[in-house]
Protein backbone atom coordinates (compact mmCIF):
# COMPACT_ATOMS: atom_id res chain seq x y z
CA MET A 1 20.97 -6.11 -1.31
CA ILE A 2 23.16 -6.11 -4.44
CA LYS A 3 22.05 -2.62 -5.51
CA GLN A 4 23.31 -1.13 -2.25
CA ARG A 5 26.58 -3.05 -2.61
CA LEU A 6 27.18 -1.49 -6.04
CA ILE A 7 26.47 1.98 -4.65
CA GLU A 8 29.07 1.36 -1.92
CA LEU A 9 31.67 0.23 -4.50
CA LEU A 10 31.06 3.32 -6.67
CA THR A 11 31.29 5.64 -3.68
CA GLN A 12 34.54 4.05 -2.56
CA ALA A 13 36.00 4.29 -6.07
CA ALA A 14 35.10 7.98 -6.35
CA SER A 15 36.64 8.74 -2.96
CA GLN A 16 39.80 6.88 -3.94
CA ALA A 17 39.95 8.80 -7.25
CA GLN A 18 39.85 12.04 -5.28
CA GLU A 19 42.66 10.84 -3.01
CA LEU A 20 44.76 9.99 -6.09
CA GLY A 21 44.06 13.38 -7.70
CA LYS A 22 42.06 11.91 -10.58
CA LEU A 23 39.01 13.81 -9.34
CA PRO A 24 38.96 17.23 -7.63
CA SER A 25 37.85 17.34 -4.01
CA VAL A 26 34.22 18.30 -4.58
CA ALA A 27 31.18 17.07 -2.68
CA LEU A 28 30.14 13.80 -4.29
CA PRO A 29 26.64 13.80 -5.81
CA GLU A 30 24.16 11.06 -4.91
CA VAL A 31 25.13 7.69 -6.33
CA THR A 32 22.28 5.95 -8.12
CA VAL A 33 22.08 2.55 -9.78
CA GLU A 34 19.36 1.49 -12.21
CA HIS A 35 18.42 -1.49 -14.34
CA PRO A 36 19.19 -0.88 -18.04
CA GLN A 37 16.22 -1.32 -20.37
CA ASN A 38 18.48 -3.19 -22.77
CA PRO A 39 19.86 -6.35 -21.07
CA GLU A 40 22.91 -6.17 -23.36
CA TYR A 41 24.15 -3.38 -21.09
CA GLY A 42 24.24 -5.72 -18.10
CA ASP A 43 22.19 -6.12 -14.94
CA TYR A 44 22.82 -2.67 -13.45
CA ALA A 45 24.01 0.68 -14.76
CA SER A 46 25.07 3.94 -13.11
CA SER A 47 25.15 7.45 -14.52
CA PHE A 48 27.32 8.58 -11.61
CA PRO A 49 30.22 9.68 -13.89
CA LEU A 50 27.83 12.01 -15.75
CA LYS A 51 26.87 13.66 -12.47
CA LEU A 52 30.53 13.97 -11.50
CA ALA A 53 31.30 15.53 -14.89
CA ARG A 54 28.78 18.29 -14.22
CA ALA A 55 30.32 18.91 -10.80
CA THR A 56 33.96 18.83 -11.96
CA GLY A 57 33.98 19.84 -15.64
CA LEU A 58 35.90 16.68 -16.56
CA SER A 59 35.04 14.22 -19.34
CA PRO A 60 32.41 11.71 -18.12
CA LEU A 61 34.03 8.91 -20.15
CA THR A 62 37.41 9.60 -18.54
CA ILE A 63 35.81 9.68 -15.09
CA ALA A 64 34.04 6.39 -15.78
CA GLN A 65 37.24 4.70 -16.98
CA ASP A 66 39.24 5.96 -13.99
CA MET A 67 36.56 4.78 -11.58
CA VAL A 68 36.24 1.33 -13.14
CA ALA A 69 39.97 0.85 -12.70
CA LEU A 70 39.53 1.61 -8.98
CA ILE A 71 36.42 -0.50 -8.24
CA ALA A 72 37.49 -3.23 -5.88
CA PRO A 73 36.94 -6.84 -6.99
CA SER A 74 33.72 -8.25 -5.57
CA PRO A 75 32.28 -11.77 -5.82
CA GLU A 76 28.92 -10.37 -6.98
CA ILE A 77 30.35 -8.80 -10.14
CA GLY A 78 31.17 -10.78 -13.24
CA SER A 79 32.18 -7.85 -15.44
CA ILE A 80 32.19 -4.04 -15.54
CA ALA A 81 32.07 -2.00 -18.73
CA VAL A 82 32.08 1.67 -19.65
CA ALA A 83 29.53 2.90 -22.19
CA PRO A 84 29.21 6.34 -23.83
CA PRO A 85 28.57 9.02 -22.83
CA GLY A 86 29.76 7.94 -19.36
CA PHE A 87 27.80 5.02 -17.95
CA ILE A 88 29.25 2.23 -15.84
CA ASN A 89 27.52 -1.10 -16.54
CA PHE A 90 27.65 -4.12 -14.23
CA THR A 91 26.97 -7.75 -15.10
CA LEU A 92 26.49 -10.11 -12.17
CA ASN A 93 28.68 -13.17 -11.71
CA SER A 94 26.79 -16.33 -12.70
CA ASP A 95 28.40 -18.42 -9.96
CA TRP A 96 27.43 -15.81 -7.37
CA LEU A 97 23.91 -15.68 -8.81
CA THR A 98 23.28 -19.39 -8.39
CA LYS A 99 24.61 -19.34 -4.81
CA GLN A 100 21.85 -16.86 -3.94
CA ILE A 101 19.38 -19.73 -4.20
CA ASP A 102 20.82 -21.06 -0.94
CA SER A 103 20.47 -17.62 0.66
CA ILE A 104 16.79 -17.46 -0.31
CA LEU A 105 16.15 -20.96 1.03
CA VAL A 106 17.79 -20.06 4.33
CA ALA A 107 15.86 -16.79 4.65
CA GLY A 108 12.53 -18.47 3.91
CA ASP A 109 9.51 -16.31 4.67
CA SER A 110 11.73 -13.43 5.78
CA TYR A 111 13.28 -13.12 2.33
CA GLY A 112 12.81 -9.60 1.01
CA ASN A 113 12.97 -7.94 4.42
CA ILE A 114 15.20 -4.87 4.67
CA ASP A 115 16.01 -2.42 7.45
CA LEU A 116 15.10 0.81 5.75
CA GLY A 117 12.83 2.02 8.55
CA GLN A 118 15.16 1.04 11.39
CA GLY A 119 12.22 0.66 13.74
CA SER A 120 10.71 4.12 13.29
CA ARG A 121 6.99 4.31 14.09
CA VAL A 122 4.53 4.84 11.25
CA GLN A 123 0.80 5.23 11.62
CA LEU A 124 -1.22 4.28 8.57
CA GLU A 125 -4.82 5.48 8.58
CA PHE A 126 -7.07 4.40 5.73
CA VAL A 127 -10.66 3.71 4.70
CA SER A 128 -12.15 5.73 7.64
CA VAL A 129 -15.52 5.94 5.90
CA ASN A 130 -18.36 7.56 7.83
CA PRO A 131 -20.25 4.66 9.49
CA THR A 132 -23.50 5.75 7.86
CA GLY A 133 -23.72 3.08 5.18
CA PRO A 134 -22.02 0.00 3.69
CA LEU A 135 -18.66 0.24 1.97
CA HIS A 136 -18.77 0.71 -1.78
CA VAL A 137 -16.23 -0.48 -4.33
CA GLY A 138 -14.22 2.76 -4.20
CA HIS A 139 -13.57 2.26 -0.50
CA GLY A 140 -12.08 -1.13 -1.33
CA ARG A 141 -9.32 0.51 -3.33
CA GLY A 142 -8.19 2.58 -0.35
CA ALA A 143 -8.44 -0.49 1.88
CA ILE A 144 -6.12 -2.52 -0.36
CA LEU A 145 -3.66 0.33 -0.82
CA GLY A 146 -3.46 0.78 2.93
CA SER A 147 -3.16 -2.85 3.94
CA THR A 148 -0.58 -3.60 1.23
CA LEU A 149 1.49 -0.60 2.26
CA ALA A 150 1.29 -1.74 5.87
CA ASN A 151 2.69 -5.15 4.88
CA VAL A 152 5.50 -3.65 2.82
CA LEU A 153 6.49 -1.01 5.38
CA ALA A 154 6.67 -3.70 8.06
CA ALA A 155 8.93 -5.74 5.73
CA ALA A 156 11.04 -2.60 5.25
CA GLY A 157 11.78 -2.35 8.96
CA TYR A 158 9.14 0.13 10.14
CA ARG A 159 6.91 -0.37 13.17
CA VAL A 160 3.51 0.05 11.58
CA GLU A 161 0.19 0.69 13.29
CA THR A 162 -2.95 0.61 11.15
CA GLU A 163 -5.98 2.65 12.12
CA TYR A 164 -9.60 3.25 11.13
CA TYR A 165 -10.91 6.67 12.16
CA ILE A 166 -14.59 6.32 13.06
CA ASN A 167 -16.46 9.54 12.28
CA ASP A 168 -18.99 9.05 15.07
CA ALA A 169 -19.55 12.75 15.83
CA GLY A 170 -20.97 15.69 13.93
CA SER A 171 -23.77 16.52 11.52
CA GLN A 172 -23.54 13.39 9.38
CA ILE A 173 -24.06 11.11 12.34
CA ASP A 174 -26.98 13.28 13.40
CA ALA A 175 -28.50 12.90 9.92
CA PHE A 176 -27.94 9.13 10.10
CA TYR A 177 -29.70 8.90 13.47
CA ARG A 178 -32.70 10.90 12.20
CA SER A 179 -32.86 8.82 8.99
CA LEU A 180 -32.86 5.55 10.89
CA TYR A 181 -35.52 6.78 13.32
CA ALA A 182 -37.75 7.75 10.39
CA ARG A 183 -37.28 4.37 8.68
CA TYR A 184 -37.92 2.57 11.98
CA GLN A 185 -41.21 4.39 12.39
CA GLN A 186 -42.20 3.80 8.75
CA CYS A 187 -41.51 0.06 9.04
CA LEU A 188 -43.88 0.04 12.04
CA GLY A 189 -46.62 1.71 10.04
CA ILE A 190 -46.11 5.28 11.23
CA ASP A 191 -46.15 8.06 8.63
CA ALA A 192 -42.72 9.61 9.38
CA GLU A 193 -40.98 11.93 6.97
CA MET A 194 -37.38 11.30 5.96
CA PRO A 195 -35.09 14.27 6.76
CA SER A 196 -34.00 16.40 3.80
CA ASP A 197 -30.34 15.58 4.52
CA GLY A 198 -31.12 11.94 5.26
CA TYR A 199 -29.64 8.68 4.00
CA LEU A 200 -32.08 7.28 1.44
CA GLY A 201 -30.41 4.00 0.50
CA SER A 202 -32.40 0.79 0.78
CA TYR A 203 -29.90 -0.47 3.36
CA MET A 204 -31.49 1.91 5.90
CA ILE A 205 -34.81 0.06 5.56
CA ASP A 206 -33.03 -3.28 6.02
CA LEU A 207 -31.25 -1.91 9.09
CA ALA A 208 -34.51 -0.64 10.60
CA LYS A 209 -36.18 -4.03 10.03
CA GLU A 210 -33.26 -5.84 11.66
CA ILE A 211 -33.53 -3.65 14.74
CA ILE A 212 -37.31 -4.19 14.88
CA THR A 213 -36.73 -7.96 14.83
CA GLU A 214 -34.43 -7.63 17.85
CA GLU A 215 -35.99 -4.73 19.75
CA ARG A 216 -39.63 -4.75 18.62
CA ASP A 217 -41.38 -1.39 18.88
CA ARG A 218 -39.99 -0.35 22.26
CA PHE A 219 -38.46 2.91 20.95
CA LEU A 220 -41.93 4.23 20.11
CA SER A 221 -42.71 4.54 23.79
CA LEU A 222 -39.62 6.64 24.51
CA PRO A 223 -39.40 10.44 24.22
CA PRO A 224 -38.24 11.22 20.64
CA LYS A 225 -34.85 12.59 21.72
CA GLU A 226 -34.09 9.51 23.82
CA ALA A 227 -35.38 7.15 21.12
CA LEU A 228 -33.27 8.90 18.52
CA SER A 229 -30.13 8.52 20.64
CA GLN A 230 -30.64 4.87 21.62
CA LEU A 231 -31.84 3.70 18.23
CA GLY A 232 -29.13 5.64 16.42
CA HIS A 233 -26.39 4.19 18.61
CA ILE A 234 -27.61 0.64 17.92
CA GLY A 235 -27.63 1.36 14.20
CA LEU A 236 -24.17 2.89 14.37
CA VAL A 237 -22.73 -0.15 16.13
CA LYS A 238 -24.33 -2.46 13.56
CA LEU A 239 -22.92 -0.50 10.63
CA ILE A 240 -19.43 -0.45 12.15
CA GLU A 241 -19.66 -4.23 12.54
CA LEU A 242 -20.83 -4.49 8.91
CA ILE A 243 -17.84 -2.40 7.78
CA LYS A 244 -15.49 -4.61 9.80
CA SER A 245 -17.06 -7.72 8.29
CA ASP A 246 -16.78 -6.37 4.73
CA LEU A 247 -13.13 -5.49 5.26
CA GLU A 248 -12.37 -8.91 6.72
CA LEU A 249 -13.67 -10.44 3.48
CA LEU A 250 -10.82 -8.58 1.78
CA GLY A 251 -8.31 -9.65 4.41
CA VAL A 252 -8.11 -6.11 5.79
CA SER A 253 -7.91 -5.54 9.54
CA PHE A 254 -6.88 -2.67 11.79
CA ASP A 255 -4.81 -2.44 14.95
CA VAL A 256 -6.90 0.48 16.21
CA TRP A 257 -10.49 1.68 15.66
CA PHE A 258 -10.34 5.30 16.80
CA SER A 259 -13.47 7.22 17.77
CA GLU A 260 -13.82 10.84 16.67
CA GLN A 261 -16.10 11.46 19.65
CA SER A 262 -13.26 10.45 22.00
CA LEU A 263 -11.32 13.54 20.89
CA PHE A 264 -13.97 15.70 22.56
CA ASP A 265 -14.58 13.38 25.51
CA ASN A 266 -10.87 12.97 26.35
CA GLY A 267 -9.80 16.60 25.91
CA GLN A 268 -7.63 16.38 22.78
CA TYR A 269 -9.84 18.90 21.00
CA ASP A 270 -9.52 21.46 23.82
CA ARG A 271 -5.76 20.94 24.14
CA ALA A 272 -5.17 21.28 20.38
CA MET A 273 -7.25 24.47 20.16
CA SER A 274 -5.44 25.90 23.20
CA LEU A 275 -2.04 25.22 21.62
CA LEU A 276 -3.07 26.89 18.35
CA ARG A 277 -4.54 29.84 20.23
CA GLN A 278 -1.27 30.30 22.14
CA GLY A 279 0.59 30.37 18.83
CA GLY A 280 -1.70 33.07 17.46
CA TYR A 281 -3.32 30.78 14.89
CA ILE A 282 -6.91 31.05 16.14
CA GLY A 283 -9.06 34.12 15.41
CA GLU A 284 -12.67 35.23 15.80
CA LYS A 285 -14.67 36.84 13.00
CA GLU A 286 -18.20 36.78 11.62
CA GLY A 287 -19.36 35.08 14.81
CA ALA A 288 -17.22 32.00 14.13
CA THR A 289 -13.78 30.73 15.18
CA TRP A 290 -11.16 30.43 12.46
CA PHE A 291 -7.79 28.79 11.97
CA VAL A 292 -5.62 31.57 10.56
CA SER A 293 -4.23 29.52 7.68
CA THR A 294 -3.08 32.65 5.84
CA ALA A 295 -0.39 33.15 8.47
CA LEU A 296 1.19 29.95 7.11
CA GLY A 297 0.91 30.79 3.41
CA GLU A 298 -2.59 29.47 2.69
CA ASP A 299 -4.92 31.42 0.40
CA LYS A 300 -7.69 31.64 2.96
CA ASP A 301 -8.49 31.06 6.63
CA ASN A 302 -10.64 28.08 7.64
CA VAL A 303 -13.54 27.82 10.06
CA VAL A 304 -12.99 25.50 13.02
CA VAL A 305 -16.08 26.41 15.09
CA ARG A 306 -19.27 27.52 13.37
CA SER A 307 -21.32 30.47 14.58
CA ASP A 308 -23.74 28.02 16.26
CA GLY A 309 -20.86 26.69 18.38
CA SER A 310 -20.46 23.33 16.62
CA PRO A 311 -16.94 22.22 15.60
CA THR A 312 -16.28 21.59 11.91
CA TYR A 313 -14.86 18.39 10.44
CA PHE A 314 -11.59 20.31 10.10
CA ALA A 315 -11.58 20.99 13.85
CA SER A 316 -11.91 17.27 14.57
CA ASP A 317 -9.05 16.55 12.17
CA ILE A 318 -6.87 19.10 13.97
CA ALA A 319 -7.49 17.35 17.28
CA TYR A 320 -6.94 13.95 15.67
CA HIS A 321 -3.54 14.89 14.29
CA TYR A 322 -2.59 16.56 17.56
CA ASN A 323 -3.28 13.16 19.13
CA LYS A 324 -1.29 11.28 16.46
CA PHE A 325 1.83 13.41 16.62
CA LEU A 326 1.97 14.97 20.09
CA GLU A 327 0.31 12.32 22.24
CA ARG A 328 1.05 9.04 20.48
CA ASN A 329 4.34 10.33 19.05
CA PHE A 330 4.34 8.68 15.65
CA ASP A 331 7.44 9.50 13.59
CA LYS A 332 5.37 9.59 10.41
CA VAL A 333 1.65 9.59 9.70
CA LEU A 334 0.28 8.29 6.39
CA ASN A 335 -3.33 9.05 5.51
CA ILE A 336 -5.10 7.50 2.51
CA TRP A 337 -8.04 9.69 1.54
CA GLY A 338 -10.59 9.65 -1.24
CA ALA A 339 -10.49 12.00 -4.22
CA ASP A 340 -12.99 14.36 -2.59
CA HIS A 341 -10.41 15.21 0.10
CA GLN A 342 -7.77 16.59 -2.27
CA GLY A 343 -8.41 20.17 -1.17
CA HIS A 344 -8.03 19.25 2.50
CA ILE A 345 -4.33 18.38 2.25
CA SER A 346 -2.72 21.83 2.24
CA ARG A 347 -4.65 23.12 5.23
CA MET A 348 -3.82 19.96 7.21
CA LYS A 349 -0.15 20.46 6.38
CA ALA A 350 -0.51 24.06 7.58
CA VAL A 351 -2.14 23.07 10.86
CA VAL A 352 0.50 20.41 11.50
CA ALA A 353 3.16 23.11 11.09
CA ALA A 354 1.21 25.38 13.45
CA LEU A 355 1.29 22.58 16.05
CA GLY A 356 5.09 22.63 15.84
CA ILE A 357 5.42 19.46 13.76
CA ALA A 358 7.50 19.20 10.57
CA PRO A 359 4.86 19.04 7.78
CA GLU A 360 6.80 16.38 5.87
CA ARG A 361 5.99 13.96 8.70
CA LEU A 362 2.40 13.97 7.43
CA VAL A 363 1.97 12.19 4.10
CA VAL A 364 -1.40 12.05 2.34
CA ILE A 365 -2.15 9.64 -0.51
CA ILE A 366 -5.22 10.39 -2.60
CA SER A 367 -7.03 7.33 -3.95
CA GLN A 368 -8.94 8.08 -7.13
CA MET A 369 -12.32 6.72 -8.17
CA VAL A 370 -13.06 3.22 -9.47
CA THR A 371 -15.29 2.52 -12.46
CA LEU A 372 -16.77 -0.97 -12.79
CA HIS A 373 -17.14 -2.73 -16.14
CA ARG A 374 -18.33 -6.08 -17.42
CA GLY A 375 -16.24 -6.25 -20.56
CA ASP A 376 -17.34 -3.22 -22.59
CA GLU A 377 -20.44 -2.60 -20.47
CA LEU A 378 -20.31 0.09 -17.77
CA VAL A 379 -21.82 -1.08 -14.46
CA ARG A 380 -23.74 1.79 -12.84
CA ILE A 381 -26.04 0.31 -10.21
CA SER A 382 -26.34 -2.72 -7.99
CA LYS A 383 -28.33 -5.63 -9.41
CA ARG A 384 -29.27 -6.62 -5.87
CA SER A 385 -30.56 -3.37 -4.42
CA GLY A 386 -30.93 -1.05 -7.38
CA ASP A 387 -28.66 1.61 -5.90
CA ILE A 388 -24.99 1.70 -4.81
CA ILE A 389 -22.69 -1.21 -5.68
CA THR A 390 -21.28 -2.40 -2.39
CA LEU A 391 -17.79 -3.72 -1.84
CA ARG A 392 -19.27 -6.97 -0.55
CA GLU A 393 -21.07 -7.54 -3.86
CA VAL A 394 -17.82 -7.18 -5.80
CA VAL A 395 -15.90 -9.48 -3.43
CA ASP A 396 -18.69 -12.06 -3.60
CA GLU A 397 -18.53 -12.00 -7.40
CA VAL A 398 -14.79 -12.04 -8.14
CA GLY A 399 -13.14 -13.02 -4.85
CA ALA A 400 -10.84 -11.25 -2.44
CA ASP A 401 -7.60 -12.10 -4.28
CA ALA A 402 -8.80 -10.58 -7.55
CA CYS A 403 -9.95 -7.45 -5.72
CA ARG A 404 -6.64 -7.10 -3.94
CA PHE A 405 -4.53 -7.60 -7.05
CA PHE A 406 -6.56 -5.34 -9.32
CA PHE A 407 -6.85 -2.55 -6.75
CA ALA A 408 -3.12 -2.72 -6.01
CA SER A 409 -2.07 -2.86 -9.66
CA ARG A 410 -2.70 0.79 -10.49
CA SER A 411 -1.15 3.95 -9.10
CA ALA A 412 -3.44 5.49 -6.47
CA ASP A 413 -3.54 8.82 -8.29
CA SER A 414 -4.91 7.32 -11.51
CA GLN A 415 -8.55 6.62 -12.34
CA MET A 416 -9.22 2.89 -12.38
CA ASP A 417 -11.39 0.69 -14.59
CA PHE A 418 -12.18 -2.63 -12.89
CA ASP A 419 -13.33 -5.30 -15.35
CA LEU A 420 -15.40 -7.84 -13.40
CA GLU A 421 -15.40 -10.33 -16.28
CA LEU A 422 -11.60 -10.24 -16.63
CA ALA A 423 -11.19 -10.68 -12.87
CA LYS A 424 -13.12 -13.98 -13.06
CA LYS A 425 -11.33 -15.45 -16.08
CA GLN A 426 -9.26 -18.56 -15.50
CA SER A 427 -6.73 -17.85 -18.20
CA ALA A 428 -3.44 -16.05 -18.77
CA ASP A 429 -5.46 -12.95 -19.71
CA ASN A 430 -6.26 -12.53 -16.01
CA PRO A 431 -3.08 -11.44 -14.19
CA VAL A 432 -4.38 -12.77 -10.88
CA TYR A 433 -4.91 -16.24 -12.28
CA TYR A 434 -1.61 -16.06 -14.18
CA VAL A 435 0.43 -15.23 -11.08
CA GLN A 436 -1.32 -17.65 -8.73
CA TYR A 437 -1.14 -20.42 -11.32
CA ALA A 438 2.66 -20.03 -11.31
CA HIS A 439 2.63 -20.71 -7.56
CA ALA A 440 0.32 -23.70 -7.97
CA ARG A 441 2.54 -25.07 -10.75
CA ILE A 442 5.58 -24.77 -8.49
CA ALA A 443 3.71 -26.60 -5.71
CA SER A 444 2.81 -29.43 -8.12
CA ILE A 445 6.46 -29.87 -9.12
CA LEU A 446 7.54 -30.10 -5.50
CA ARG A 447 4.74 -32.60 -4.76
CA LEU A 448 5.96 -34.76 -7.65
CA ALA A 449 9.48 -34.71 -6.21
CA GLN A 450 8.12 -35.72 -2.82
CA GLN A 451 6.05 -38.55 -4.32
CA ARG A 452 9.16 -39.89 -6.05
CA GLY A 453 11.19 -39.61 -2.86
CA ILE A 454 13.72 -37.19 -4.31
CA ASP A 455 15.87 -35.57 -1.63
CA TYR A 456 17.33 -32.45 -3.21
CA ALA A 457 18.80 -30.82 -0.09
CA ASP A 458 22.33 -31.44 -1.45
CA GLY A 459 21.53 -30.19 -4.97
CA ASP A 460 24.48 -28.48 -6.67
CA VAL A 461 23.13 -25.11 -7.83
CA SER A 462 26.32 -24.40 -9.80
CA LEU A 463 24.85 -26.70 -12.47
CA LEU A 464 22.27 -24.03 -13.28
CA THR A 465 23.86 -22.25 -16.22
CA THR A 466 21.15 -21.77 -18.85
CA GLU A 467 19.62 -18.35 -19.51
CA PRO A 468 16.07 -19.30 -18.38
CA GLU A 469 17.49 -20.45 -15.04
CA LEU A 470 19.71 -17.40 -14.54
CA ALA A 471 16.98 -14.98 -15.66
CA LEU A 472 14.63 -16.42 -13.06
CA ILE A 473 17.27 -16.06 -10.32
CA ARG A 474 17.97 -12.46 -11.35
CA LYS A 475 14.29 -11.61 -11.02
CA MET A 476 14.01 -13.39 -7.66
CA LEU A 477 16.86 -11.27 -6.29
CA LEU A 478 14.88 -8.09 -6.97
CA LEU A 479 12.28 -8.63 -4.24
CA PRO A 480 14.25 -6.68 -1.59
CA GLU A 481 14.58 -3.84 -4.12
CA MET A 482 10.82 -3.93 -4.72
CA VAL A 483 10.21 -3.63 -0.98
CA GLU A 484 12.56 -0.63 -0.91
CA VAL A 485 10.90 1.00 -3.95
CA VAL A 486 7.38 0.61 -2.56
CA ALA A 487 8.45 1.82 0.89
CA HIS A 488 10.06 4.93 -0.66
CA THR A 489 7.37 5.77 -3.22
CA LEU A 490 4.34 4.44 -1.27
CA GLU A 491 3.16 2.93 -4.57
CA PRO A 492 2.15 -0.74 -4.18
CA HIS A 493 1.54 -1.19 -7.91
CA HIS A 494 5.28 -1.86 -8.37
CA LEU A 495 4.74 -5.09 -6.44
CA ALA A 496 1.91 -6.19 -8.74
CA TYR A 497 4.08 -5.64 -11.82
CA TYR A 498 6.93 -7.54 -10.18
CA ALA A 499 4.64 -10.47 -9.41
CA GLN A 500 3.61 -10.70 -13.07
CA ASP A 501 7.22 -10.47 -14.29
CA LEU A 502 8.31 -13.16 -11.85
CA ALA A 503 5.46 -15.44 -12.91
CA THR A 504 6.32 -14.88 -16.58
CA LEU A 505 9.94 -15.88 -16.05
CA PHE A 506 8.93 -18.95 -14.07
CA HIS A 507 6.48 -20.10 -16.75
CA SER A 508 9.24 -19.56 -19.35
CA PHE A 509 11.75 -21.54 -17.28
CA TYR A 510 9.22 -24.34 -16.82
CA LYS A 511 8.64 -24.66 -20.58
CA GLN A 512 12.34 -24.64 -21.46
CA CYS A 513 13.89 -26.59 -18.58
CA ARG A 514 12.50 -29.96 -17.52
CA VAL A 515 12.78 -30.01 -13.74
CA VAL A 516 12.35 -33.69 -12.83
CA SER A 517 14.35 -35.66 -15.40
CA GLN A 518 16.66 -38.65 -15.79
CA ASN A 519 19.61 -36.42 -14.89
CA GLU A 520 19.62 -36.80 -11.10
CA ALA A 521 22.15 -34.05 -10.37
CA LEU A 522 20.39 -31.49 -12.56
CA THR A 523 17.00 -32.50 -11.17
CA LYS A 524 18.17 -31.79 -7.62
CA ALA A 525 19.68 -28.45 -8.62
CA ARG A 526 16.52 -27.35 -10.41
CA LEU A 527 14.32 -28.46 -7.52
CA ARG A 528 16.29 -26.14 -5.24
CA LEU A 529 15.69 -23.33 -7.71
CA VAL A 530 11.97 -24.17 -7.87
CA GLU A 531 11.65 -24.19 -4.07
CA ALA A 532 13.39 -20.82 -3.88
CA ALA A 533 11.06 -19.47 -6.56
CA LYS A 534 8.10 -20.63 -4.50
CA ILE A 535 9.40 -18.73 -1.48
CA VAL A 536 9.83 -15.51 -3.47
CA LEU A 537 6.51 -15.72 -5.29
CA ALA A 538 4.63 -16.61 -2.11
CA ARG A 539 6.26 -13.74 -0.24
CA THR A 540 5.28 -11.35 -3.01
CA LEU A 541 1.66 -12.53 -2.95
CA ARG A 542 1.49 -12.31 0.84
CA LEU A 543 2.88 -8.79 0.83
CA MET A 544 -0.07 -8.00 -1.41
CA GLY A 545 -2.36 -9.75 1.07
CA MET A 546 -3.21 -12.57 -1.35
CA THR A 547 -3.42 -16.32 -0.89
CA THR A 548 -0.88 -18.79 -2.27
CA PRO A 549 -2.85 -21.69 -3.78
CA GLU A 550 -1.18 -25.09 -3.88
CA ARG A 551 -3.60 -26.36 -6.52
CA MET A 552 -5.64 -24.67 -9.25
């Protein structure tokens, strides 16, 4: 990666300057390299001399000039310049740039991979919606964030395991069971009252009718407690399968589906509570059992076992993270939670610390709400059912690729407006169409070359000297950097912006540079560039979990 190469050259130059007495022997600050906003300043710029000036008291311009004189020649660099008040600007060598086309073609589908993670194990848990109803559009955002991050982290050299945490224990499941039993009875003509904490959505009636079709009225002859358990379990399994099916429509799958109930059945809950009790973090008061969060700097303690003896959701989460860190030994755990879980983060960090785990190994991303629009019109309810808008309805209307791109194109911590009409447009106004059309256009060029029998394997890429060609190559070389940025920041929207920029530069190149022409040598060179562009654009789309259409 060229960025890392420049950092190495700057570090070496600074160390050499210290050896020569041009810089005092101070600890070198972190070397950073950025892309200048103004392309006149080159391809990369570093403010390293300014940092050194603060550490040494010397003039940043003098430091920059001394360092430039010591930077070793490198085939990647065409020129180096110093700019006030102390920047070092790098312009890449055009000959080196064009040779990178061959490197991309050789790398193929692995282009963009880096070894940032060095094989460390990361668990990525996301969606994890209570299996008490269908997924709604907001859940789709977390699903896309999680699956895109999983793709990028794998490309960055991490061993990633994705997981859905099934909340199949506790009061909400109990309410779901009682709601389904009431609907089942009602659909069979029995006057049963819905529980006050029940699930009132129309999907519960549909679920009850489906079970009646398969099971008839056999649960009416069972004792209520037994009927509730059997019927509820059938409904739970069906809703989990519905959730899986909805996620598959989006191209989202999980390595593990983890049962909350298993934490109690397999002893993780007891072991986690015992460990916290040994550490002095469990206390009894007001008839309940508490996690003494205040001992770790929290504002208040938190209940883990209610006075009626039932564990809280927090207690289950404690056992779950005990299992993640101390039994399955993940190096890092990433959780993507909805906006309503914001207040849960600090106490989970506290309990992780109480379990003897470095809190920074737990990272929580909060995914904010999604608002649906049709142009200027706010969409509030489902046209189909008259209540919640399900994820499946949105995917059916605009397609999985549009959902994935739009959900991934905004920072997770920002509110999101999803325009259904824009997502369906087949024009440059729709970024999904715009990016995928670039890929389809590339595919059509390569088909034309194949139809004409043009063999461009020996194309001379040194013939590519125009600015549209070089600008496209420069952008293509940034994919490994994008993988690094997303892996560091855990913000997939950088990839969506990159995809649009890359598509823009390809469309510009296409308009200004005829690919298949009477000039045989130039045709072959440009076809190699086009094939490389296809690799990079396709890899970007696949990292986002999107398809790569050959025709549009």
